[in-house]
């Protein structure tokens, strides 16, 4: 098992390929990150994150990071980058990390996000030796929550009113999956 996340694999599924991010991906993410639904569902504040130079630097530097794994989600049918999956906030002592994903409009509704989540979470358990992978999902994002449940994440609790959404406050669910659970169902808890 590597002692960090320095290895940036390419993982191939039936519908998606996960590959290391490059500076050239910044163009795609500039469009994805400007999508109003992406902005709302990720709780992203308006800021300068869409600056082309800043995005190019960010995506170009992901492969050099040894404490996280950022991979592009590529639709095998079109060859188009449609999003990203990330294992971050790595806690090496406890063999744990956070998971997040971002799928743009071109990748929605076809199971690409579910397969991408299974591939990267499986890599985390089977290749990196993780014990726990956790995430947070906002209450107004049932589509994402369903993806996480299909992969085997289990709700642990609620973070109350963690996000301002206009004049409203939104809760987030904390979810996780553990290595023994993954070993039993390999990302297919429903059989």
Protein backbone atom coordinates (compact mmCIF):
# COMPACT_ATOMS: atom_id res chain seq x y z
CA UNK A 1 0.00 0.00 0.00
CA UNK A 2 1.42 3.42 -0.90
CA UNK A 3 2.01 5.70 2.06
CA UNK A 4 0.28 8.59 0.30
CA UNK A 5 -1.93 9.45 -2.64
CA UNK A 6 0.98 10.16 -4.99
CA UNK A 7 -0.03 7.48 -7.50
CA UNK A 8 -2.61 8.88 -9.94
CA UNK A 9 -4.20 5.87 -11.61
CA UNK A 10 -6.38 5.55 -14.67
CA UNK A 11 -9.46 3.49 -13.77
CA UNK A 12 -11.68 2.10 -16.52
CA UNK A 13 -15.31 1.08 -16.17
CA UNK A 14 -18.02 0.20 -18.67
CA UNK A 15 -19.21 3.80 -19.09
CA UNK A 16 -16.44 5.99 -17.69
CA UNK A 17 -12.69 6.32 -17.52
CA UNK A 18 -11.19 8.08 -14.52
CA UNK A 19 -7.87 9.65 -15.37
CA UNK A 20 -5.50 12.17 -13.82
CA UNK A 21 -6.57 15.78 -14.24
CA UNK A 22 -4.50 18.14 -16.38
CA UNK A 23 -4.32 21.89 -16.89
CA UNK A 24 -6.20 21.39 -20.17
CA UNK A 25 -9.27 20.23 -18.19
CA UNK A 26 -9.67 23.79 -16.88
CA UNK A 27 -11.67 24.76 -19.98
CA UNK A 28 -14.28 22.06 -19.29
CA UNK A 29 -14.48 22.89 -15.59
CA UNK A 30 -14.91 26.58 -16.30
CA UNK A 31 -18.18 25.64 -18.03
CA UNK A 32 -19.21 23.04 -15.43
CA UNK A 33 -18.53 25.37 -12.49
CA UNK A 34 -20.58 28.15 -14.10
CA UNK A 35 -23.69 25.92 -14.32
CA UNK A 36 -26.36 27.31 -11.93
CA UNK A 37 -27.36 23.81 -10.77
CA UNK A 38 -23.73 22.91 -10.00
CA UNK A 39 -23.30 26.17 -8.07
CA UNK A 40 -26.42 25.50 -5.98
CA UNK A 41 -25.93 21.75 -5.36
CA UNK A 42 -22.31 22.18 -4.29
CA UNK A 43 -23.05 25.21 -2.11
CA UNK A 44 -20.38 27.16 -3.98
CA UNK A 45 -20.15 30.84 -3.12
CA UNK A 46 -19.76 33.31 -5.94
CA UNK A 47 -16.07 34.17 -6.20
CA UNK A 48 -13.19 34.31 -8.64
CA UNK A 49 -12.95 30.53 -9.00
CA UNK A 50 -13.84 30.81 -12.69
CA UNK A 51 -10.70 32.81 -13.51
CA UNK A 52 -9.13 30.82 -16.39
CA UNK A 53 -5.56 31.18 -15.09
CA UNK A 54 -6.56 30.14 -11.58
CA UNK A 55 -8.46 27.10 -12.90
CA UNK A 56 -5.56 26.10 -15.14
CA UNK A 57 -3.15 26.31 -12.20
CA UNK A 58 -5.52 24.32 -9.96
CA UNK A 59 -6.24 21.49 -12.39
CA UNK A 60 -2.63 21.45 -13.58
CA UNK A 61 -1.38 20.95 -10.01
CA UNK A 62 -3.64 18.04 -8.99
CA UNK A 63 -1.23 15.32 -10.10
CA UNK A 64 1.50 16.71 -7.84
CA UNK A 65 -0.61 16.38 -4.68
CA UNK A 66 0.39 13.52 -2.38
CA UNK A 67 -2.43 13.97 0.15
CA UNK A 68 -5.39 13.68 -2.22
CA UNK A 69 -6.54 11.98 -5.39
CA UNK A 70 -8.36 14.08 -8.02
CA UNK A 71 -9.46 12.29 -11.19
CA UNK A 72 -11.35 13.46 -14.26
CA UNK A 73 -14.53 11.56 -15.15
CA UNK A 74 -14.53 10.89 -18.89
CA UNK A 75 -17.63 9.60 -20.69
CA UNK A 76 -16.41 6.62 -22.72
CA UNK A 77 -19.19 7.09 -25.29
CA UNK A 78 -18.10 10.62 -26.22
CA UNK A 79 -14.54 10.93 -24.87
CA UNK A 80 -15.69 14.11 -23.09
CA UNK A 81 -14.63 15.06 -19.58
CA UNK A 82 -17.92 15.45 -17.67
CA UNK A 83 -16.73 15.90 -14.09
CA UNK A 84 -14.37 14.83 -11.36
CA UNK A 85 -14.11 12.51 -8.36
CA UNK A 86 -11.92 13.34 -5.39
CA UNK A 87 -10.58 11.54 -2.34
CA UNK A 88 -9.28 14.28 -0.01
CA UNK A 89 -8.89 15.28 3.63
CA UNK A 90 -6.75 12.18 4.05
CA UNK A 91 -6.14 11.01 7.61
CA UNK A 92 -3.32 8.48 7.26
CA UNK A 93 -3.33 7.46 10.93
CA UNK A 94 -7.00 6.46 10.78
CA UNK A 95 -6.93 5.27 7.15
CA UNK A 96 -9.81 7.62 6.35
CA UNK A 97 -10.64 10.30 3.84
CA UNK A 98 -13.43 12.40 2.42
CA UNK A 99 -15.08 11.77 -0.94
CA UNK A 100 -16.62 14.33 -3.23
CA UNK A 101 -17.76 14.34 -6.80
CA UNK A 102 -18.88 16.86 -9.37
CA UNK A 103 -20.71 15.84 -12.52
CA UNK A 104 -21.62 18.53 -15.03
CA UNK A 105 -24.76 18.67 -17.17
CA UNK A 106 -23.24 16.56 -19.99
CA UNK A 107 -22.72 13.62 -17.61
CA UNK A 108 -26.01 13.49 -15.75
CA UNK A 109 -28.78 10.93 -15.84
CA UNK A 110 -26.87 8.01 -17.38
CA UNK A 111 -25.22 6.34 -14.39
CA UNK A 112 -21.81 7.87 -15.05
CA UNK A 113 -21.58 9.38 -11.57
CA UNK A 114 -22.54 6.11 -9.90
CA UNK A 115 -19.92 4.14 -11.83
CA UNK A 116 -17.28 6.81 -11.20
CA UNK A 117 -18.02 6.75 -7.47
CA UNK A 118 -17.77 2.95 -7.37
CA UNK A 119 -14.45 3.00 -9.23
CA UNK A 120 -12.72 5.59 -7.04
CA UNK A 121 -14.14 4.34 -3.73
CA UNK A 122 -13.16 0.79 -4.69
CA UNK A 123 -9.66 2.01 -5.49
CA UNK A 124 -9.53 3.68 -2.07
CA UNK A 125 -10.39 0.48 -0.24
CA UNK A 126 -8.71 -2.11 -2.44
CA UNK A 127 -5.51 -0.29 -3.45
CA UNK A 128 -4.95 2.39 -0.81
CA UNK A 129 -6.06 0.31 2.16
CA UNK A 130 -8.57 2.87 3.44
CA UNK A 131 -10.84 1.90 6.32
CA UNK A 132 -13.42 4.70 6.06
CA UNK A 133 -14.60 7.05 3.33
CA UNK A 134 -17.04 9.80 4.32
CA UNK A 135 -18.95 12.61 2.64
CA UNK A 136 -21.56 15.28 3.23
CA UNK A 137 -24.57 15.81 0.98
CA UNK A 138 -27.04 18.70 1.14
CA UNK A 139 -30.71 17.90 1.79
CA UNK A 140 -31.78 19.53 -1.48
CA UNK A 141 -29.68 17.09 -3.51
CA UNK A 142 -31.59 13.78 -3.40
CA UNK A 143 -30.10 12.68 -6.74
CA UNK A 144 -26.58 12.70 -5.26
CA UNK A 145 -27.75 11.04 -2.06
CA UNK A 146 -29.29 8.23 -4.10
CA UNK A 147 -26.01 7.72 -5.97
CA UNK A 148 -24.14 7.47 -2.66
CA UNK A 149 -26.68 4.98 -1.27
CA UNK A 150 -26.39 2.85 -4.44
CA UNK A 151 -22.62 2.71 -3.89
CA UNK A 152 -23.09 1.68 -0.24
CA UNK A 153 -22.71 4.87 1.78
CA UNK A 154 -24.75 4.85 4.98
CA UNK A 155 -26.26 7.94 6.63
CA UNK A 156 -24.65 8.67 10.00
CA UNK A 157 -26.31 11.91 11.01
CA UNK A 158 -27.39 15.40 10.12
CA UNK A 159 -25.50 18.65 10.20
CA UNK A 160 -28.27 21.15 10.84
CA UNK A 161 -28.59 24.33 8.81
CA UNK A 162 -25.05 24.36 7.44
CA UNK A 163 -25.77 26.20 4.21
CA UNK A 164 -27.65 29.38 3.43
CA UNK A 165 -29.80 28.92 0.31
CA UNK A 166 -31.35 32.30 -0.42
CA UNK A 167 -33.46 33.05 2.64
CA UNK A 168 -33.50 29.40 3.77
CA UNK A 169 -31.09 27.19 5.65
CA UNK A 170 -30.22 23.70 4.43
CA UNK A 171 -29.15 20.61 6.36
CA UNK A 172 -26.45 18.20 5.22
CA UNK A 173 -26.30 14.46 5.83
CA UNK A 174 -23.03 12.87 6.85
CA UNK A 175 -22.59 9.51 5.13
CA UNK A 176 -19.80 6.95 5.16
CA UNK A 177 -18.80 3.54 3.95
CA UNK A 178 -16.38 1.24 5.78
CA UNK A 179 -13.90 -1.29 4.43
CA UNK A 180 -15.80 -4.34 5.81
CA UNK A 181 -18.98 -3.09 4.11
CA UNK A 182 -17.16 -2.57 0.83
CA UNK A 183 -15.64 -6.05 1.10
CA UNK A 184 -19.16 -7.54 1.40
CA UNK A 185 -20.84 -5.78 -1.51
CA UNK A 186 -18.13 -4.04 -3.62
CA UNK A 187 -20.33 -1.00 -4.20
CA UNK A 188 -23.55 -2.95 -4.90
CA UNK A 189 -25.36 -3.16 -1.53
CA UNK A 190 -28.73 -3.83 -3.19
CA UNK A 191 -27.51 -7.06 -4.70
